[in-house]
Amino acid sequence: MAFEEMERNLSDAEVTARAYIDNSLRYYKLKVFKLMMRSIGALIKMASVSILLVLALSCFSVGAALGIGVLVGSNAMGFVLVGSGYVLVGILLYFIRDRVDKPLLKKFSEFYFEEL
């Protein structure tokens, strides 16, 4: 009788452990799916805004280059000056990249670990 009760308890423990593992697995799959969908949504939004900003910046750049070209008497020189301005901005961003990386890392770590 003691062995039958012990066998039944072990069987119940096994069923409970399997149910716990299955539920935990489903929970983490759902968590990963939710985090992945939020990340994809954020990426799509960021890509859409970035594309629109690049298009707007391109239009402004062409306009500025043509305007500067009229002022200096050469459209080619206007485009060179606008391009040089972008090179200077790129060099500046290269030197301050560490100041940009840290806040981005902090923000994205809050976003990631908030969900887990």
PDB file of N, CA and C in Angstrom:
ATOM      1  N   MET A   1       0.807  -1.179   0.000  1.00  0.00           N
ATOM      2  CA  MET A   1       0.000   0.000   0.000  1.00  0.00           C
ATOM      3  C   MET A   1       0.866   1.264   0.000  1.00  0.00           C
ATOM      4  N   ALA A   2       1.924   1.261   0.735  1.00  0.00           N
ATOM      5  CA  ALA A   2       2.805   2.414   0.781  1.00  0.00           C
ATOM      6  C   ALA A   2       3.457   2.645  -0.572  1.00  0.00           C
ATOM      7  N   PHE A   3       3.798   1.523  -1.241  1.00  0.00           N
ATOM      8  CA  PHE A   3       4.414   1.669  -2.566  1.00  0.00           C
ATOM      9  C   PHE A   3       3.435   2.226  -3.586  1.00  0.00           C
ATOM     10  N   GLU A   4       2.169   1.811  -3.501  1.00  0.00           N
ATOM     11  CA  GLU A   4       1.154   2.321  -4.423  1.00  0.00           C
ATOM     12  C   GLU A   4       0.946   3.819  -4.222  1.00  0.00           C
ATOM     13  N   GLU A   5       0.918   4.251  -2.956  1.00  0.00           N
ATOM     14  CA  GLU A   5       0.752   5.673  -2.666  1.00  0.00           C
ATOM     15  C   GLU A   5       1.967   6.467  -3.120  1.00  0.00           C
ATOM     16  N   MET A   6       3.152   5.907  -2.897  1.00  0.00           N
ATOM     17  CA  MET A   6       4.381   6.568  -3.341  1.00  0.00           C
ATOM     18  C   MET A   6       4.412   6.650  -4.868  1.00  0.00           C
ATOM     19  N   GLU A   7       3.976   5.576  -5.547  1.00  0.00           N
ATOM     20  CA  GLU A   7       3.941   5.561  -7.011  1.00  0.00           C
ATOM     21  C   GLU A   7       2.954   6.608  -7.530  1.00  0.00           C
ATOM     22  N   ARG A   8       1.807   6.722  -6.863  1.00  0.00           N
ATOM     23  CA  ARG A   8       0.808   7.698  -7.268  1.00  0.00           C
ATOM     24  C   ARG A   8       1.335   9.123  -7.048  1.00  0.00           C
ATOM     25  N   ASN A   9       2.021   9.359  -5.941  1.00  0.00           N
ATOM     26  CA  ASN A   9       2.600  10.672  -5.668  1.00  0.00           C
ATOM     27  C   ASN A   9       3.663  11.027  -6.700  1.00  0.00           C
ATOM     28  N   LEU A  10       4.493  10.051  -7.047  1.00  0.00           N
ATOM     29  CA  LEU A  10       5.510  10.292  -8.078  1.00  0.00           C
ATOM     30  C   LEU A  10       4.863  10.568  -9.428  1.00  0.00           C
ATOM     31  N   SER A  11       3.809   9.839  -9.737  1.00  0.00           N
ATOM     32  CA  SER A  11       3.095  10.046 -10.998  1.00  0.00           C
ATOM     33  C   SER A  11       2.478  11.443 -11.024  1.00  0.00           C
ATOM     34  N   ASP A  12       1.873  11.860  -9.907  1.00  0.00           N
ATOM     35  CA  ASP A  12       1.296  13.208  -9.820  1.00  0.00           C
ATOM     36  C   ASP A  12       2.379  14.272  -9.948  1.00  0.00           C
ATOM     37  N   ALA A  13       3.526  14.028  -9.313  1.00  0.00           N
ATOM     38  CA  ALA A  13       4.626  14.988  -9.395  1.00  0.00           C
ATOM     39  C   ALA A  13       5.129  15.102 -10.827  1.00  0.00           C
ATOM     40  N   GLU A  14       5.188  13.972 -11.530  1.00  0.00           N
ATOM     41  CA  GLU A  14       5.639  13.989 -12.925  1.00  0.00           C
ATOM     42  C   GLU A  14       4.661  14.758 -13.801  1.00  0.00           C
ATOM     43  N   VAL A  15       3.381  14.529 -13.596  1.00  0.00           N
ATOM     44  CA  VAL A  15       2.364  15.241 -14.385  1.00  0.00           C
ATOM     45  C   VAL A  15       2.439  16.744 -14.103  1.00  0.00           C
ATOM     46  N   THR A  16       2.587  17.089 -12.838  1.00  0.00           N
ATOM     47  CA  THR A  16       2.679  18.499 -12.454  1.00  0.00           C
ATOM     48  C   THR A  16       3.936  19.143 -13.041  1.00  0.00           C
ATOM     49  N   ALA A  17       5.048  18.437 -12.993  1.00  0.00           N
ATOM     50  CA  ALA A  17       6.300  18.971 -13.542  1.00  0.00           C
ATOM     51  C   ALA A  17       6.191  19.157 -15.049  1.00  0.00           C
ATOM     52  N   ARG A  18       5.604  18.183 -15.745  1.00  0.00           N
ATOM     53  CA  ARG A  18       5.428  18.318 -17.202  1.00  0.00           C
ATOM     54  C   ARG A  18       4.514  19.501 -17.546  1.00  0.00           C
ATOM     55  N   ALA A  19       3.442  19.656 -16.784  1.00  0.00           N
ATOM     56  CA  ALA A  19       2.527  20.778 -17.027  1.00  0.00           C
ATOM     57  C   ALA A  19       3.240  22.107 -16.786  1.00  0.00           C
ATOM     58  N   TYR A  20       4.052  22.170 -15.740  1.00  0.00           N
ATOM     59  CA  TYR A  20       4.803  23.389 -15.445  1.00  0.00           C
ATOM     60  C   TYR A  20       5.777  23.708 -16.577  1.00  0.00           C
ATOM     61  N   ILE A  21       6.493  22.710 -17.042  1.00  0.00           N
ATOM     62  CA  ILE A  21       7.455  22.912 -18.129  1.00  0.00           C
ATOM     63  C   ILE A  21       6.736  23.349 -19.402  1.00  0.00           C
ATOM     64  N   ASP A  22       5.614  22.686 -19.723  1.00  0.00           N
ATOM     65  CA  ASP A  22       4.864  23.070 -20.927  1.00  0.00           C
ATOM     66  C   ASP A  22       4.338  24.497 -20.830  1.00  0.00           C
ATOM     67  N   ASN A  23       3.802  24.861 -19.669  1.00  0.00           N
ATOM     68  CA  ASN A  23       3.282  26.216 -19.496  1.00  0.00           C
ATOM     69  C   ASN A  23       4.401  27.251 -19.533  1.00  0.00           C
ATOM     70  N   SER A  24       5.535  26.922 -18.929  1.00  0.00           N
ATOM     71  CA  SER A  24       6.675  27.843 -18.969  1.00  0.00           C
ATOM     72  C   SER A  24       7.165  28.031 -20.396  1.00  0.00           C
ATOM     73  N   LEU A  25       7.237  26.960 -21.142  1.00  0.00           N
ATOM     74  CA  LEU A  25       7.674  27.033 -22.533  1.00  0.00           C
ATOM     75  C   LEU A  25       6.717  27.896 -23.358  1.00  0.00           C
ATOM     76  N   ARG A  26       5.434  27.698 -23.181  1.00  0.00           N
ATOM     77  CA  ARG A  26       4.453  28.519 -23.905  1.00  0.00           C
ATOM     78  C   ARG A  26       4.562  29.988 -23.505  1.00  0.00           C
ATOM     79  N   TYR A  27       4.761  30.231 -22.217  1.00  0.00           N
ATOM     80  CA  TYR A  27       4.891  31.609 -21.724  1.00  0.00           C
ATOM     81  C   TYR A  27       6.093  32.303 -22.356  1.00  0.00           C
ATOM     82  N   TYR A  28       7.239  31.636 -22.371  1.00  0.00           N
ATOM     83  CA  TYR A  28       8.435  32.274 -22.929  1.00  0.00           C
ATOM     84  C   TYR A  28       8.359  32.418 -24.440  1.00  0.00           C
ATOM     85  N   LYS A  29       7.690  31.485 -25.108  1.00  0.00           N
ATOM     86  CA  LYS A  29       7.474  31.653 -26.551  1.00  0.00           C
ATOM     87  C   LYS A  29       6.628  32.901 -26.803  1.00  0.00           C
ATOM     88  N   LEU A  30       5.603  33.087 -26.001  1.00  0.00           N
ATOM     89  CA  LEU A  30       4.742  34.257 -26.149  1.00  0.00           C
ATOM     90  C   LEU A  30       5.505  35.543 -25.836  1.00  0.00           C
ATOM     91  N   LYS A  31       6.339  35.521 -24.802  1.00  0.00           N
ATOM     92  CA  LYS A  31       7.146  36.691 -24.464  1.00  0.00           C
ATOM     93  C   LYS A  31       8.105  37.050 -25.594  1.00  0.00           C
ATOM     94  N   VAL A  32       8.771  36.046 -26.152  1.00  0.00           N
ATOM     95  CA  VAL A  32       9.704  36.286 -27.251  1.00  0.00           C
ATOM     96  C   VAL A  32       8.955  36.829 -28.458  1.00  0.00           C
ATOM     97  N   PHE A  33       7.776  36.266 -28.750  1.00  0.00           N
ATOM     98  CA  PHE A  33       6.974  36.742 -29.876  1.00  0.00           C
ATOM     99  C   PHE A  33       6.569  38.202 -29.669  1.00  0.00           C
ATOM    100  N   LYS A  34       6.126  38.548 -28.466  1.00  0.00           N
ATOM    101  CA  LYS A  34       5.717  39.925 -28.177  1.00  0.00           C
ATOM    102  C   LYS A  34       6.890  40.880 -28.326  1.00  0.00           C
ATOM    103  N   LEU A  35       8.037  40.513 -27.783  1.00  0.00           N
ATOM    104  CA  LEU A  35       9.226  41.362 -27.888  1.00  0.00           C
ATOM    105  C   LEU A  35       9.665  41.500 -29.343  1.00  0.00           C
ATOM    106  N   MET A  36       9.605  40.406 -30.091  1.00  0.00           N
ATOM    107  CA  MET A  36      10.001  40.437 -31.495  1.00  0.00           C
ATOM    108  C   MET A  36       9.050  41.342 -32.300  1.00  0.00           C
ATOM    109  N   MET A  37       7.753  41.246 -32.041  1.00  0.00           N
ATOM    110  CA  MET A  37       6.789  42.074 -32.772  1.00  0.00           C
ATOM    111  C   MET A  37       6.956  43.556 -32.425  1.00  0.00           C
ATOM    112  N   ARG A  38       7.220  43.862 -31.157  1.00  0.00           N
ATOM    113  CA  ARG A  38       7.461  45.260 -30.791  1.00  0.00           C
ATOM    114  C   ARG A  38       8.728  45.781 -31.456  1.00  0.00           C
ATOM    115  N   SER A  39       9.747  44.934 -31.532  1.00  0.00           N
ATOM    116  CA  SER A  39      11.001  45.347 -32.170  1.00  0.00           C
ATOM    117  C   SER A  39      10.801  45.558 -33.665  1.00  0.00           C
ATOM    118  N   ILE A  40      10.084  44.663 -34.312  1.00  0.00           N
ATOM    119  CA  ILE A  40       9.835  44.804 -35.746  1.00  0.00           C
ATOM    120  C   ILE A  40       8.991  46.047 -36.009  1.00  0.00           C
ATOM    121  N   GLY A  41       7.984  46.286 -35.175  1.00  0.00           N
ATOM    122  CA  GLY A  41       7.158  47.484 -35.330  1.00  0.00           C
ATOM    123  C   GLY A  41       7.976  48.755 -35.181  1.00  0.00           C
ATOM    124  N   ALA A  42       8.843  48.771 -34.178  1.00  0.00           N
ATOM    125  CA  ALA A  42       9.698  49.949 -33.974  1.00  0.00           C
ATOM    126  C   ALA A  42      10.657  50.123 -35.145  1.00  0.00           C
ATOM    127  N   LEU A  43      11.181  49.024 -35.663  1.00  0.00           N
ATOM    128  CA  LEU A  43      12.097  49.091 -36.806  1.00  0.00           C
ATOM    129  C   LEU A  43      11.388  49.617 -38.052  1.00  0.00           C
ATOM    130  N   ILE A  44      10.175  49.159 -38.295  1.00  0.00           N
ATOM    131  CA  ILE A  44       9.417  49.631 -39.461  1.00  0.00           C
ATOM    132  C   ILE A  44       9.105  51.124 -39.329  1.00  0.00           C
ATOM    133  N   LYS A  45       8.704  51.545 -38.131  1.00  0.00           N
ATOM    134  CA  LYS A  45       8.430  52.980 -37.927  1.00  0.00           C
ATOM    135  C   LYS A  45       9.694  53.802 -38.142  1.00  0.00           C
ATOM    136  N   MET A  46      10.803  53.336 -37.591  1.00  0.00           N
ATOM    137  CA  MET A  46      12.063  54.069 -37.723  1.00  0.00           C
ATOM    138  C   MET A  46      12.501  54.118 -39.185  1.00  0.00           C
ATOM    139  N   ALA A  47      12.336  53.022 -39.902  1.00  0.00           N
ATOM    140  CA  ALA A  47      12.726  52.997 -41.310  1.00  0.00           C
ATOM    141  C   ALA A  47      11.846  53.943 -42.133  1.00  0.00           C
ATOM    142  N   SER A  48      10.548  53.955 -41.859  1.00  0.00           N
ATOM    143  CA  SER A  48       9.638  54.838 -42.600  1.00  0.00           C
ATOM    144  C   SER A  48       9.987  56.309 -42.378  1.00  0.00           C
ATOM    145  N   VAL A  49      10.187  56.675 -41.133  1.00  0.00           N
ATOM    146  CA  VAL A  49      10.533  58.063 -40.825  1.00  0.00           C
ATOM    147  C   VAL A  49      11.887  58.423 -41.424  1.00  0.00           C
ATOM    148  N   SER A  50      12.836  57.490 -41.342  1.00  0.00           N
ATOM    149  CA  SER A  50      14.168  57.748 -41.898  1.00  0.00           C
ATOM    150  C   SER A  50      14.113  57.963 -43.407  1.00  0.00           C
ATOM    151  N   ILE A  51      13.348  57.147 -44.099  1.00  0.00           N
ATOM    152  CA  ILE A  51      13.231  57.296 -45.557  1.00  0.00           C
ATOM    153  C   ILE A  51      12.628  58.654 -45.901  1.00  0.00           C
ATOM    154  N   LEU A  52      11.583  59.049 -45.185  1.00  0.00           N
ATOM    155  CA  LEU A  52      10.966  60.355 -45.461  1.00  0.00           C
ATOM    156  C   LEU A  52      11.921  61.503 -45.146  1.00  0.00           C
ATOM    157  N   LEU A  53      12.682  61.374 -44.068  1.00  0.00           N
ATOM    158  CA  LEU A  53      13.647  62.421 -43.739  1.00  0.00           C
ATOM    159  C   LEU A  53      14.766  62.508 -44.779  1.00  0.00           C
ATOM    160  N   VAL A  54      15.210  61.371 -45.282  1.00  0.00           N
ATOM    161  CA  VAL A  54      16.252  61.379 -46.321  1.00  0.00           C
ATOM    162  C   VAL A  54      15.723  62.030 -47.594  1.00  0.00           C
ATOM    163  N   LEU A  55      14.479  61.726 -47.952  1.00  0.00           N
ATOM    164  CA  LEU A  55      13.891  62.364 -49.139  1.00  0.00           C
ATOM    165  C   LEU A  55      13.781  63.875 -48.953  1.00  0.00           C
ATOM    166  N   ALA A  56      13.314  64.298 -47.779  1.00  0.00           N
ATOM    167  CA  ALA A  56      13.198  65.740 -47.519  1.00  0.00           C
ATOM    168  C   ALA A  56      14.574  66.392 -47.519  1.00  0.00           C
ATOM    169  N   LEU A  57      15.553  65.756 -46.889  1.00  0.00           N
ATOM    170  CA  LEU A  57      16.905  66.305 -46.851  1.00  0.00           C
ATOM    171  C   LEU A  57      17.499  66.400 -48.259  1.00  0.00           C
ATOM    172  N   SER A  58      17.191  65.425 -49.086  1.00  0.00           N
ATOM    173  CA  SER A  58      17.685  65.469 -50.474  1.00  0.00           C
ATOM    174  C   SER A  58      17.113  66.667 -51.218  1.00  0.00           C
ATOM    175  N   CYS A  59      15.812  66.891 -51.046  1.00  0.00           N
ATOM    176  CA  CYS A  59      15.186  68.040 -51.719  1.00  0.00           C
ATOM    177  C   CYS A  59      15.771  69.358 -51.203  1.00  0.00           C
ATOM    178  N   PHE A  60      15.931  69.463 -49.881  1.00  0.00           N
ATOM    179  CA  PHE A  60      16.519  70.679 -49.317  1.00  0.00           C
ATOM    180  C   PHE A  60      17.953  70.859 -49.784  1.00  0.00           C
ATOM    181  N   SER A  61      18.696  69.771 -49.890  1.00  0.00           N
ATOM    182  CA  SER A  61      20.098  69.857 -50.322  1.00  0.00           C
ATOM    183  C   SER A  61      20.213  70.343 -51.758  1.00  0.00           C
ATOM    184  N   VAL A  62      19.373  69.807 -52.622  1.00  0.00           N
ATOM    185  CA  VAL A  62      19.404  70.242 -54.025  1.00  0.00           C
ATOM    186  C   VAL A  62      19.028  71.714 -54.113  1.00  0.00           C
ATOM    187  N   GLY A  63      17.993  72.109 -53.366  1.00  0.00           N
ATOM    188  CA  GLY A  63      17.589  73.516 -53.366  1.00  0.00           C
ATOM    189  C   GLY A  63      18.692  74.423 -52.840  1.00  0.00           C
ATOM    190  N   ALA A  64      19.322  73.994 -51.744  1.00  0.00           N
ATOM    191  CA  ALA A  64      20.407  74.806 -51.173  1.00  0.00           C
ATOM    192  C   ALA A  64      21.589  74.881 -52.133  1.00  0.00           C
ATOM    193  N   ALA A  65      21.914  73.760 -52.764  1.00  0.00           N
ATOM    194  CA  ALA A  65      23.046  73.751 -53.696  1.00  0.00           C
ATOM    195  C   ALA A  65      22.774  74.650 -54.892  1.00  0.00           C
ATOM    196  N   LEU A  66      21.565  74.618 -55.407  1.00  0.00           N
ATOM    197  CA  LEU A  66      21.229  75.488 -56.543  1.00  0.00           C
ATOM    198  C   LEU A  66      21.232  76.957 -56.114  1.00  0.00           C
ATOM    199  N   GLY A  67      20.719  77.220 -54.901  1.00  0.00           N
ATOM    200  CA  GLY A  67      20.721  78.600 -54.400  1.00  0.00           C
ATOM    201  C   GLY A  67      22.131  79.115 -54.187  1.00  0.00           C
ATOM    202  N   ILE A  68      22.984  78.292 -53.593  1.00  0.00           N
ATOM    203  CA  ILE A  68      24.387  78.698 -53.394  1.00  0.00           C
ATOM    204  C   ILE A  68      25.076  78.846 -54.744  1.00  0.00           C
ATOM    205  N   GLY A  69      24.716  77.972 -55.687  1.00  0.00           N
ATOM    206  CA  GLY A  69      25.292  78.056 -57.034  1.00  0.00           C
ATOM    207  C   GLY A  69      24.981  79.374 -57.702  1.00  0.00           C
ATOM    208  N   VAL A  70      23.768  79.867 -57.516  1.00  0.00           N
ATOM    209  CA  VAL A  70      23.396  81.170 -58.082  1.00  0.00           C
ATOM    210  C   VAL A  70      24.217  82.277 -57.417  1.00  0.00           C
ATOM    211  N   LEU A  71      24.404  82.175 -56.102  1.00  0.00           N
ATOM    212  CA  LEU A  71      25.165  83.204 -55.386  1.00  0.00           C
ATOM    213  C   LEU A  71      26.635  83.236 -55.789  1.00  0.00           C
ATOM    214  N   VAL A  72      27.244  82.063 -55.978  1.00  0.00           N
ATOM    215  CA  VAL A  72      28.673  82.035 -56.306  1.00  0.00           C
ATOM    216  C   VAL A  72      28.919  81.987 -57.808  1.00  0.00           C
ATOM    217  N   GLY A  73      27.874  81.835 -58.587  1.00  0.00           N
ATOM    218  CA  GLY A  73      28.013  81.866 -60.041  1.00  0.00           C
ATOM    219  C   GLY A  73      28.298  80.512 -60.676  1.00  0.00           C
ATOM    220  N   SER A  74      28.254  79.412 -59.913  1.00  0.00           N
ATOM    221  CA  SER A  74      28.523  78.093 -60.465  1.00  0.00           C
ATOM    222  C   SER A  74      27.715  77.054 -59.686  1.00  0.00           C
ATOM    223  N   ASN A  75      26.818  76.352 -60.409  1.00  0.00           N
ATOM    224  CA  ASN A  75      26.024  75.309 -59.748  1.00  0.00           C
ATOM    225  C   ASN A  75      26.913  74.204 -59.187  1.00  0.00           C
ATOM    226  N   ALA A  76      27.971  73.870 -59.916  1.00  0.00           N
ATOM    227  CA  ALA A  76      28.878  72.815 -59.450  1.00  0.00           C
ATOM    228  C   ALA A  76      29.501  73.211 -58.115  1.00  0.00           C
ATOM    229  N   MET A  77      29.897  74.459 -57.978  1.00  0.00           N
ATOM    230  CA  MET A  77      30.489  74.920 -56.735  1.00  0.00           C
ATOM    231  C   MET A  77      29.455  74.883 -55.606  1.00  0.00           C
ATOM    232  N   GLY A  78      28.201  75.160 -55.902  1.00  0.00           N
ATOM    233  CA  GLY A  78      27.134  75.072 -54.895  1.00  0.00           C
ATOM    234  C   GLY A  78      26.986  73.654 -54.374  1.00  0.00           C
ATOM    235  N   PHE A  79      27.016  72.679 -55.286  1.00  0.00           N
ATOM    236  CA  PHE A  79      26.916  71.278 -54.869  1.00  0.00           C
ATOM    237  C   PHE A  79      28.148  70.840 -54.077  1.00  0.00           C
ATOM    238  N   VAL A  80      29.312  71.333 -54.459  1.00  0.00           N
ATOM    239  CA  VAL A  80      30.539  71.005 -53.717  1.00  0.00           C
ATOM    240  C   VAL A  80      30.464  71.564 -52.295  1.00  0.00           C
ATOM    241  N   LEU A  81      29.980  72.781 -52.154  1.00  0.00           N
ATOM    242  CA  LEU A  81      29.886  73.389 -50.826  1.00  0.00           C
ATOM    243  C   LEU A  81      28.881  72.652 -49.943  1.00  0.00           C
ATOM    244  N   VAL A  82      27.725  72.267 -50.491  1.00  0.00           N
ATOM    245  CA  VAL A  82      26.739  71.515 -49.714  1.00  0.00           C
ATOM    246  C   VAL A  82      27.306  70.145 -49.334  1.00  0.00           C
ATOM    247  N   GLY A  83      27.979  69.492 -50.262  1.00  0.00           N
ATOM    248  CA  GLY A  83      28.605  68.200 -49.968  1.00  0.00           C
ATOM    249  C   GLY A  83      29.682  68.325 -48.903  1.00  0.00           C
ATOM    250  N   SER A  84      30.448  69.394 -48.962  1.00  0.00           N
ATOM    251  CA  SER A  84      31.479  69.628 -47.940  1.00  0.00           C
ATOM    252  C   SER A  84      30.850  69.832 -46.566  1.00  0.00           C
ATOM    253  N   GLY A  85      29.725  70.487 -46.534  1.00  0.00           N
ATOM    254  CA  GLY A  85      29.008  70.660 -45.266  1.00  0.00           C
ATOM    255  C   GLY A  85      28.597  69.323 -44.674  1.00  0.00           C
ATOM    256  N   TYR A  86      28.121  68.415 -45.531  1.00  0.00           N
ATOM    257  CA  TYR A  86      27.754  67.079 -45.045  1.00  0.00           C
ATOM    258  C   TYR A  86      28.977  66.307 -44.558  1.00  0.00           C
ATOM    259  N   VAL A  87      30.084  66.464 -45.219  1.00  0.00           N
ATOM    260  CA  VAL A  87      31.318  65.796 -44.776  1.00  0.00           C
ATOM    261  C   VAL A  87      31.721  66.308 -43.397  1.00  0.00           C
ATOM    262  N   LEU A  88      31.629  67.614 -43.184  1.00  0.00           N
ATOM    263  CA  LEU A  88      31.955  68.189 -41.877  1.00  0.00           C
ATOM    264  C   LEU A  88      31.014  67.674 -40.791  1.00  0.00           C
ATOM    265  N   VAL A  89      29.726  67.597 -41.091  1.00  0.00           N
ATOM    266  CA  VAL A  89      28.763  67.059 -40.128  1.00  0.00           C
ATOM    267  C   VAL A  89      29.094  65.593 -39.825  1.00  0.00           C
ATOM    268  N   GLY A  90      29.466  64.824 -40.849  1.00  0.00           N
ATOM    269  CA  GLY A  90      29.846  63.429 -40.644  1.00  0.00           C
ATOM    270  C   GLY A  90      31.070  63.281 -39.755  1.00  0.00           C
ATOM    271  N   ILE A  91      32.059  64.138 -39.966  1.00  0.00           N
ATOM    272  CA  ILE A  91      33.268  64.105 -39.119  1.00  0.00           C
ATOM    273  C   ILE A  91      32.908  64.465 -37.676  1.00  0.00           C
ATOM    274  N   LEU A  92      32.065  65.466 -37.500  1.00  0.00           N
ATOM    275  CA  LEU A  92      31.633  65.853 -36.157  1.00  0.00           C
ATOM    276  C   LEU A  92      30.900  64.697 -35.468  1.00  0.00           C
ATOM    277  N   LEU A  93      29.992  64.053 -36.177  1.00  0.00           N
ATOM    278  CA  LEU A  93      29.272  62.917 -35.597  1.00  0.00           C
ATOM    279  C   LEU A  93      30.208  61.761 -35.257  1.00  0.00           C
ATOM    280  N   TYR A  94      31.253  61.582 -36.042  1.00  0.00           N
ATOM    281  CA  TYR A  94      32.226  60.528 -35.753  1.00  0.00           C
ATOM    282  C   TYR A  94      32.921  60.790 -34.416  1.00  0.00           C
ATOM    283  N   PHE A  95      33.249  62.034 -34.151  1.00  0.00           N
ATOM    284  CA  PHE A  95      33.962  62.349 -32.919  1.00  0.00           C
ATOM    285  C   PHE A  95      33.068  62.346 -31.679  1.00  0.00           C
ATOM    286  N   ILE A  96      31.770  62.523 -31.850  1.00  0.00           N
ATOM    287  CA  ILE A  96      30.868  62.497 -30.689  1.00  0.00           C
ATOM    288  C   ILE A  96      30.041  61.211 -30.639  1.00  0.00           C
ATOM    289  N   ARG A  97      30.482  60.180 -31.320  1.00  0.00           N
ATOM    290  CA  ARG A  97      29.712  58.940 -31.389  1.00  0.00           C
ATOM    291  C   ARG A  97      29.537  58.276 -30.026  1.00  0.00           C
ATOM    292  N   ASP A  98      30.508  58.402 -29.138  1.00  0.00           N
ATOM    293  CA  ASP A  98      30.389  57.804 -27.808  1.00  0.00           C
ATOM    294  C   ASP A  98      29.277  58.459 -26.994  1.00  0.00           C
ATOM    295  N   ARG A  99      29.096  59.747 -27.172  1.00  0.00           N
ATOM    296  CA  ARG A  99      28.023  60.452 -26.462  1.00  0.00           C
ATOM    297  C   ARG A  99      26.655  60.061 -26.993  1.00  0.00           C
ATOM    298  N   VAL A 100      26.607  59.568 -28.211  1.00  0.00           N
ATOM    299  CA  VAL A 100      25.346  59.130 -28.803  1.00  0.00           C
ATOM    300  C   VAL A 100      25.077  57.670 -28.459  1.00  0.00           C
ATOM    301  N   ASP A 101      26.106  56.839 -28.407  1.00  0.00           N
ATOM    302  CA  ASP A 101      25.941  55.415 -28.151  1.00  0.00           C
ATOM    303  C   ASP A 101      25.392  55.127 -26.761  1.00  0.00           C
ATOM    304  N   LYS A 102      25.888  55.819 -25.759  1.00  0.00           N
ATOM    305  CA  LYS A 102      25.478  55.534 -24.383  1.00  0.00           C
ATOM    306  C   LYS A 102      23.985  55.779 -24.143  1.00  0.00           C
ATOM    307  N   PRO A 103      23.421  56.914 -24.559  1.00  0.00           N
ATOM    308  CA  PRO A 103      21.969  57.092 -24.357  1.00  0.00           C
ATOM    309  C   PRO A 103      21.136  56.092 -25.169  1.00  0.00           C
ATOM    310  N   LEU A 104      21.600  55.750 -26.376  1.00  0.00           N
ATOM    311  CA  LEU A 104      20.875  54.760 -27.164  1.00  0.00           C
ATOM    312  C   LEU A 104      20.893  53.402 -26.484  1.00  0.00           C
ATOM    313  N   LEU A 105      22.037  53.001 -25.974  1.00  0.00           N
ATOM    314  CA  LEU A 105      22.152  51.727 -25.285  1.00  0.00           C
ATOM    315  C   LEU A 105      21.260  51.713 -24.048  1.00  0.00           C
ATOM    316  N   LYS A 106      21.230  52.797 -23.321  1.00  0.00           N
ATOM    317  CA  LYS A 106      20.394  52.876 -22.127  1.00  0.00           C
ATOM    318  C   LYS A 106      18.921  52.766 -22.490  1.00  0.00           C
ATOM    319  N   LYS A 107      18.501  53.480 -23.519  1.00  0.00           N
ATOM    320  CA  LYS A 107      17.092  53.480 -23.921  1.00  0.00           C
ATOM    321  C   LYS A 107      16.663  52.101 -24.408  1.00  0.00           C
ATOM    322  N   PHE A 108      17.476  51.472 -25.248  1.00  0.00           N
ATOM    323  CA  PHE A 108      17.104  50.170 -25.775  1.00  0.00           C
ATOM    324  C   PHE A 108      17.195  49.075 -24.713  1.00  0.00           C
ATOM    325  N   SER A 109      18.084  49.214 -23.735  1.00  0.00           N
ATOM    326  CA  SER A 109      18.132  48.222 -22.666  1.00  0.00           C
ATOM    327  C   SER A 109      16.891  48.337 -21.793  1.00  0.00           C
ATOM    328  N   GLU A 110      16.395  49.568 -21.550  1.00  0.00           N
ATOM    329  CA  GLU A 110      15.136  49.739 -20.825  1.00  0.00           C
ATOM    330  C   GLU A 110      13.984  49.102 -21.602  1.00  0.00           C
ATOM    331  N   PHE A 111      13.958  49.305 -22.918  1.00  0.00           N
ATOM    332  CA  PHE A 111      12.920  48.738 -23.768  1.00  0.00           C
ATOM    333  C   PHE A 111      12.956  47.215 -23.724  1.00  0.00           C
ATOM    334  N   TYR A 112      14.146  46.628 -23.782  1.00  0.00           N
ATOM    335  CA  TYR A 112      14.286  45.172 -23.824  1.00  0.00           C
ATOM    336  C   TYR A 112      13.969  44.546 -22.472  1.00  0.00           C
ATOM    337  N   PHE A 113      14.572  45.053 -21.404  1.00  0.00           N
ATOM    338  CA  PHE A 113      14.426  44.406 -20.111  1.00  0.00           C
ATOM    339  C   PHE A 113      13.103  44.723 -19.436  1.00  0.00           C
ATOM    340  N   GLU A 114      12.394  45.721 -19.942  1.00  0.00           N
ATOM    341  CA  GLU A 114      11.044  45.996 -19.440  1.00  0.00           C
ATOM    342  C   GLU A 114      10.121  44.839 -19.744  1.00  0.00           C
ATOM    343  N   GLU A 115      10.350  44.173 -20.863  1.00  0.00           N
ATOM    344  CA  GLU A 115       9.472  43.106 -21.310  1.00  0.00           C
ATOM    345  C   GLU A 115       9.798  41.766 -20.685  1.00  0.00           C
ATOM    346  N   LEU A 116      10.993  41.592 -20.175  1.00  0.00           N
ATOM    347  CA  LEU A 116      11.358  40.293 -19.610  1.00  0.00           C
ATOM    348  C   LEU A 116      11.091  40.273 -18.148  1.00  0.00           C
TER     349      LEU A 116
END
